[in-house]
Amino acid sequence: SASTGNVVHVLDVQTGEEIGRFPSGN
């Protein structure tokens, strides 16, 4: 969770690359 960015990042565990994200609300 990015608590002030109002988004959840989904990362690859081995590389740290963002493979997706979705808006979360406040």
PDB file of all heavy atoms in Angstrom:
ATOM      1  N   SER A   1       0.826  -1.201   0.000  1.00  0.00           N
ATOM      2  CA  SER A   1       0.000   0.000   0.000  1.00  0.00           C
ATOM      3  C   SER A   1       0.863   1.254   0.000  1.00  0.00           C
ATOM      4  O   SER A   1       1.814   1.361   0.778  1.00  0.00           O
ATOM      5  CB  SER A   1      -0.907   0.019   1.238  1.00  0.00           C
ATOM      6  OG  SER A   1      -1.889  -0.983   1.160  1.00  0.00           O
ATOM      7  N   ALA A   2       0.519   2.188  -0.881  1.00  0.00           N
ATOM      8  CA  ALA A   2       1.117   3.523  -0.859  1.00  0.00           C
ATOM      9  C   ALA A   2       0.081   4.431  -0.193  1.00  0.00           C
ATOM     10  O   ALA A   2      -0.861   4.884  -0.840  1.00  0.00           O
ATOM     11  CB  ALA A   2       1.442   3.984  -2.270  1.00  0.00           C
ATOM     12  N   SER A   3       0.246   4.675   1.095  1.00  0.00           N
ATOM     13  CA  SER A   3      -0.842   5.249   1.882  1.00  0.00           C
ATOM     14  C   SER A   3      -1.195   6.683   1.497  1.00  0.00           C
ATOM     15  O   SER A   3      -2.344   7.096   1.636  1.00  0.00           O
ATOM     16  CB  SER A   3      -0.524   5.166   3.376  1.00  0.00           C
ATOM     17  OG  SER A   3       0.674   5.844   3.673  1.00  0.00           O
ATOM     18  N   THR A   4      -0.239   7.473   1.002  1.00  0.00           N
ATOM     19  CA  THR A   4      -0.580   8.826   0.549  1.00  0.00           C
ATOM     20  C   THR A   4      -0.738   8.887  -0.970  1.00  0.00           C
ATOM     21  O   THR A   4      -1.185   9.908  -1.496  1.00  0.00           O
ATOM     22  CB  THR A   4       0.493   9.844   0.988  1.00  0.00           C
ATOM     23  OG1 THR A   4       1.724   9.554   0.323  1.00  0.00           O
ATOM     24  CG2 THR A   4       0.697   9.810   2.491  1.00  0.00           C
ATOM     25  N   GLY A   5      -0.392   7.820  -1.663  1.00  0.00           N
ATOM     26  CA  GLY A   5      -0.550   7.770  -3.118  1.00  0.00           C
ATOM     27  C   GLY A   5      -1.876   7.166  -3.543  1.00  0.00           C
ATOM     28  O   GLY A   5      -2.226   7.190  -4.725  1.00  0.00           O
ATOM     29  N   ASN A   6      -2.620   6.606  -2.541  1.00  0.00           N
ATOM     30  CA  ASN A   6      -3.947   6.031  -2.804  1.00  0.00           C
ATOM     31  C   ASN A   6      -3.917   4.961  -3.894  1.00  0.00           C
ATOM     32  O   ASN A   6      -4.790   4.901  -4.757  1.00  0.00           O
ATOM     33  CB  ASN A   6      -4.962   7.127  -3.168  1.00  0.00           C
ATOM     34  CG  ASN A   6      -5.144   8.124  -2.044  1.00  0.00           C
ATOM     35  OD1 ASN A   6      -4.933   7.796  -0.868  1.00  0.00           O
ATOM     36  ND2 ASN A   6      -5.523   9.354  -2.382  1.00  0.00           N
ATOM     37  N   VAL A   7      -2.893   4.125  -3.835  1.00  0.00           N
ATOM     38  CA  VAL A   7      -2.752   3.061  -4.810  1.00  0.00           C
ATOM     39  C   VAL A   7      -2.047   1.880  -4.144  1.00  0.00           C
ATOM     40  O   VAL A   7      -1.326   2.053  -3.147  1.00  0.00           O
ATOM     41  CB  VAL A   7      -1.942   3.548  -6.032  1.00  0.00           C
ATOM     42  CG1 VAL A   7      -0.492   3.828  -5.655  1.00  0.00           C
ATOM     43  CG2 VAL A   7      -2.001   2.547  -7.175  1.00  0.00           C
ATOM     44  N   VAL A   8      -2.285   0.672  -4.669  1.00  0.00           N
ATOM     45  CA  VAL A   8      -1.570  -0.522  -4.220  1.00  0.00           C
ATOM     46  C   VAL A   8      -0.708  -1.010  -5.376  1.00  0.00           C
ATOM     47  O   VAL A   8      -1.200  -1.237  -6.478  1.00  0.00           O
ATOM     48  CB  VAL A   8      -2.539  -1.634  -3.766  1.00  0.00           C
ATOM     49  CG1 VAL A   8      -1.773  -2.925  -3.459  1.00  0.00           C
ATOM     50  CG2 VAL A   8      -3.328  -1.186  -2.549  1.00  0.00           C
ATOM     51  N   HIS A   9       0.582  -1.148  -5.122  1.00  0.00           N
ATOM     52  CA  HIS A   9       1.522  -1.652  -6.124  1.00  0.00           C
ATOM     53  C   HIS A   9       1.671  -3.167  -5.964  1.00  0.00           C
ATOM     54  O   HIS A   9       1.739  -3.672  -4.840  1.00  0.00           O
ATOM     55  CB  HIS A   9       2.906  -1.020  -5.941  1.00  0.00           C
ATOM     56  CG  HIS A   9       2.916   0.471  -5.993  1.00  0.00           C
ATOM     57  ND1 HIS A   9       2.940   1.177  -7.173  1.00  0.00           N
ATOM     58  CD2 HIS A   9       2.911   1.406  -4.989  1.00  0.00           C
ATOM     59  CE1 HIS A   9       2.967   2.469  -6.920  1.00  0.00           C
ATOM     60  NE2 HIS A   9       2.955   2.639  -5.598  1.00  0.00           N
ATOM     61  N   VAL A  10       1.742  -3.859  -7.078  1.00  0.00           N
ATOM     62  CA  VAL A  10       2.015  -5.300  -7.062  1.00  0.00           C
ATOM     63  C   VAL A  10       3.383  -5.506  -7.708  1.00  0.00           C
ATOM     64  O   VAL A  10       3.582  -5.169  -8.880  1.00  0.00           O
ATOM     65  CB  VAL A  10       0.933  -6.102  -7.810  1.00  0.00           C
ATOM     66  CG1 VAL A  10       1.231  -7.600  -7.716  1.00  0.00           C
ATOM     67  CG2 VAL A  10      -0.450  -5.798  -7.235  1.00  0.00           C
ATOM     68  N   LEU A  11       4.325  -6.050  -6.930  1.00  0.00           N
ATOM     69  CA  LEU A  11       5.715  -6.146  -7.363  1.00  0.00           C
ATOM     70  C   LEU A  11       6.153  -7.596  -7.518  1.00  0.00           C
ATOM     71  O   LEU A  11       5.671  -8.481  -6.807  1.00  0.00           O
ATOM     72  CB  LEU A  11       6.637  -5.461  -6.338  1.00  0.00           C
ATOM     73  CG  LEU A  11       6.251  -4.051  -5.875  1.00  0.00           C
ATOM     74  CD1 LEU A  11       7.251  -3.568  -4.831  1.00  0.00           C
ATOM     75  CD2 LEU A  11       6.169  -3.093  -7.044  1.00  0.00           C
ATOM     76  N   ASP A  12       7.094  -7.812  -8.423  1.00  0.00           N
ATOM     77  CA  ASP A  12       7.741  -9.111  -8.559  1.00  0.00           C
ATOM     78  C   ASP A  12       8.726  -9.283  -7.401  1.00  0.00           C
ATOM     79  O   ASP A  12       9.589  -8.424  -7.179  1.00  0.00           O
ATOM     80  CB  ASP A  12       8.467  -9.192  -9.905  1.00  0.00           C
ATOM     81  CG  ASP A  12       9.102 -10.552 -10.155  1.00  0.00           C
ATOM     82  OD1 ASP A  12      10.119 -10.851  -9.508  1.00  0.00           O
ATOM     83  OD2 ASP A  12       8.592 -11.286 -11.004  1.00  0.00           O
ATOM     84  N   VAL A  13       8.598 -10.361  -6.656  1.00  0.00           N
ATOM     85  CA  VAL A  13       9.419 -10.564  -5.462  1.00  0.00           C
ATOM     86  C   VAL A  13      10.908 -10.634  -5.791  1.00  0.00           C
ATOM     87  O   VAL A  13      11.748 -10.101  -5.053  1.00  0.00           O
ATOM     88  CB  VAL A  13       8.962 -11.841  -4.717  1.00  0.00           C
ATOM     89  CG1 VAL A  13      10.013 -12.290  -3.705  1.00  0.00           C
ATOM     90  CG2 VAL A  13       7.641 -11.590  -4.010  1.00  0.00           C
ATOM     91  N   GLN A  14      11.266 -11.289  -6.890  1.00  0.00           N
ATOM     92  CA  GLN A  14      12.670 -11.503  -7.206  1.00  0.00           C
ATOM     93  C   GLN A  14      13.352 -10.284  -7.818  1.00  0.00           C
ATOM     94  O   GLN A  14      14.553 -10.076  -7.634  1.00  0.00           O
ATOM     95  CB  GLN A  14      12.824 -12.706  -8.151  1.00  0.00           C
ATOM     96  CG  GLN A  14      12.380 -14.026  -7.535  1.00  0.00           C
ATOM     97  CD  GLN A  14      13.227 -14.446  -6.349  1.00  0.00           C
ATOM     98  OE1 GLN A  14      14.422 -14.135  -6.289  1.00  0.00           O
ATOM     99  NE2 GLN A  14      12.625 -15.148  -5.402  1.00  0.00           N
ATOM    100  N   THR A  15      12.597  -9.454  -8.549  1.00  0.00           N
ATOM    101  CA  THR A  15      13.213  -8.343  -9.273  1.00  0.00           C
ATOM    102  C   THR A  15      12.794  -6.964  -8.774  1.00  0.00           C
ATOM    103  O   THR A  15      13.472  -5.977  -9.060  1.00  0.00           O
ATOM    104  CB  THR A  15      12.866  -8.426 -10.771  1.00  0.00           C
ATOM    105  OG1 THR A  15      11.449  -8.216 -10.941  1.00  0.00           O
ATOM    106  CG2 THR A  15      13.249  -9.787 -11.345  1.00  0.00           C
ATOM    107  N   GLY A  16      11.656  -6.866  -8.065  1.00  0.00           N
ATOM    108  CA  GLY A  16      11.162  -5.574  -7.624  1.00  0.00           C
ATOM    109  C   GLY A  16      10.429  -4.791  -8.699  1.00  0.00           C
ATOM    110  O   GLY A  16      10.007  -3.658  -8.463  1.00  0.00           O
ATOM    111  N   GLU A  17      10.256  -5.383  -9.866  1.00  0.00           N
ATOM    112  CA  GLU A  17       9.553  -4.692 -10.944  1.00  0.00           C
ATOM    113  C   GLU A  17       8.051  -4.662 -10.656  1.00  0.00           C
ATOM    114  O   GLU A  17       7.478  -5.638 -10.152  1.00  0.00           O
ATOM    115  CB  GLU A  17       9.805  -5.379 -12.284  1.00  0.00           C
ATOM    116  CG  GLU A  17      11.248  -5.307 -12.744  1.00  0.00           C
ATOM    117  CD  GLU A  17      11.457  -5.982 -14.087  1.00  0.00           C
ATOM    118  OE1 GLU A  17      10.448  -6.415 -14.685  1.00  0.00           O
ATOM    119  OE2 GLU A  17      12.612  -6.086 -14.529  1.00  0.00           O
ATOM    120  N   GLU A  18       7.412  -3.533 -10.980  1.00  0.00           N
ATOM    121  CA  GLU A  18       5.961  -3.419 -10.807  1.00  0.00           C
ATOM    122  C   GLU A  18       5.277  -4.170 -11.941  1.00  0.00           C
ATOM    123  O   GLU A  18       5.466  -3.854 -13.115  1.00  0.00           O
ATOM    124  CB  GLU A  18       5.533  -1.956 -10.811  1.00  0.00           C
ATOM    125  CG  GLU A  18       4.043  -1.770 -10.555  1.00  0.00           C
ATOM    126  CD  GLU A  18       3.616  -0.312 -10.614  1.00  0.00           C
ATOM    127  OE1 GLU A  18       3.830   0.311 -11.679  1.00  0.00           O
ATOM    128  OE2 GLU A  18       3.073   0.194  -9.616  1.00  0.00           O
ATOM    129  N   ILE A  19       4.450  -5.152 -11.581  1.00  0.00           N
ATOM    130  CA  ILE A  19       3.730  -5.899 -12.610  1.00  0.00           C
ATOM    131  C   ILE A  19       2.273  -5.463 -12.691  1.00  0.00           C
ATOM    132  O   ILE A  19       1.545  -5.886 -13.597  1.00  0.00           O
ATOM    133  CB  ILE A  19       3.800  -7.413 -12.339  1.00  0.00           C
ATOM    134  CG1 ILE A  19       3.101  -7.756 -11.020  1.00  0.00           C
ATOM    135  CG2 ILE A  19       5.236  -7.895 -12.326  1.00  0.00           C
ATOM    136  CD1 ILE A  19       2.875  -9.246 -10.849  1.00  0.00           C
ATOM    137  N   GLY A  20       1.848  -4.599 -11.769  1.00  0.00           N
ATOM    138  CA  GLY A  20       0.479  -4.090 -11.797  1.00  0.00           C
ATOM    139  C   GLY A  20       0.238  -3.146 -10.637  1.00  0.00           C
ATOM    140  O   GLY A  20       1.063  -3.031  -9.729  1.00  0.00           O
ATOM    141  N   ARG A  21      -0.904  -2.479 -10.702  1.00  0.00           N
ATOM    142  CA  ARG A  21      -1.331  -1.590  -9.626  1.00  0.00           C
ATOM    143  C   ARG A  21      -2.839  -1.407  -9.724  1.00  0.00           C
ATOM    144  O   ARG A  21      -3.421  -1.647 -10.768  1.00  0.00           O
ATOM    145  CB  ARG A  21      -0.632  -0.230  -9.700  1.00  0.00           C
ATOM    146  CG  ARG A  21      -0.942   0.548 -10.984  1.00  0.00           C
ATOM    147  CD  ARG A  21      -0.508   2.001 -10.904  1.00  0.00           C
ATOM    148  NE  ARG A  21       0.926   2.162 -10.730  1.00  0.00           N
ATOM    149  CZ  ARG A  21       1.485   3.312 -10.353  1.00  0.00           C
ATOM    150  NH1 ARG A  21       0.726   4.381 -10.118  1.00  0.00           N
ATOM    151  NH2 ARG A  21       2.793   3.402 -10.232  1.00  0.00           N
ATOM    152  N   PHE A  22      -3.446  -0.971  -8.623  1.00  0.00           N
ATOM    153  CA  PHE A  22      -4.882  -0.649  -8.687  1.00  0.00           C
ATOM    154  C   PHE A  22      -5.184   0.457  -7.676  1.00  0.00           C
ATOM    155  O   PHE A  22      -4.552   0.540  -6.627  1.00  0.00           O
ATOM    156  CB  PHE A  22      -5.745  -1.892  -8.429  1.00  0.00           C
ATOM    157  CG  PHE A  22      -5.472  -2.596  -7.119  1.00  0.00           C
ATOM    158  CD1 PHE A  22      -6.116  -2.207  -5.944  1.00  0.00           C
ATOM    159  CD2 PHE A  22      -4.588  -3.660  -7.063  1.00  0.00           C
ATOM    160  CE1 PHE A  22      -5.880  -2.864  -4.749  1.00  0.00           C
ATOM    161  CE2 PHE A  22      -4.347  -4.333  -5.867  1.00  0.00           C
ATOM    162  CZ  PHE A  22      -4.993  -3.929  -4.715  1.00  0.00           C
ATOM    163  N   PRO A  23      -6.141   1.316  -8.005  1.00  0.00           N
ATOM    164  CA  PRO A  23      -6.514   2.397  -7.081  1.00  0.00           C
ATOM    165  C   PRO A  23      -7.206   1.812  -5.858  1.00  0.00           C
ATOM    166  O   PRO A  23      -7.922   0.811  -5.934  1.00  0.00           O
ATOM    167  CB  PRO A  23      -7.461   3.261  -7.916  1.00  0.00           C
ATOM    168  CG  PRO A  23      -8.006   2.340  -8.955  1.00  0.00           C
ATOM    169  CD  PRO A  23      -6.915   1.363  -9.257  1.00  0.00           C
ATOM    170  N   SER A  24      -7.001   2.459  -4.718  1.00  0.00           N
ATOM    171  CA  SER A  24      -7.489   1.893  -3.458  1.00  0.00           C
ATOM    172  C   SER A  24      -8.439   2.811  -2.712  1.00  0.00           C
ATOM    173  O   SER A  24      -9.017   2.402  -1.703  1.00  0.00           O
ATOM    174  CB  SER A  24      -6.297   1.585  -2.557  1.00  0.00           C
ATOM    175  OG  SER A  24      -5.583   2.778  -2.288  1.00  0.00           O
ATOM    176  N   GLY A  25      -8.581   4.066  -3.161  1.00  0.00           N
ATOM    177  CA  GLY A  25      -9.284   5.023  -2.322  1.00  0.00           C
ATOM    178  C   GLY A  25      -8.317   5.602  -1.298  1.00  0.00           C
ATOM    179  O   GLY A  25      -7.125   5.340  -1.324  1.00  0.00           O
ATOM    180  N   ASN A  26      -8.852   6.378  -0.386  1.00  0.00           N
ATOM    181  CA  ASN A  26      -8.009   7.113   0.553  1.00  0.00           C
ATOM    182  C   ASN A  26      -7.251   6.185   1.524  1.00  0.00           C
ATOM    183  O   ASN A  26      -7.832   5.296   2.126  1.00  0.00           O
ATOM    184  CB  ASN A  26      -8.852   8.097   1.368  1.00  0.00           C
ATOM    185  CG  ASN A  26      -9.353   9.250   0.532  1.00  0.00           C
ATOM    186  OD1 ASN A  26      -8.809   9.530  -0.540  1.00  0.00           O
ATOM    187  ND2 ASN A  26     -10.413   9.914   0.988  1.00  0.00           N
TER     188      ASN A  26
END
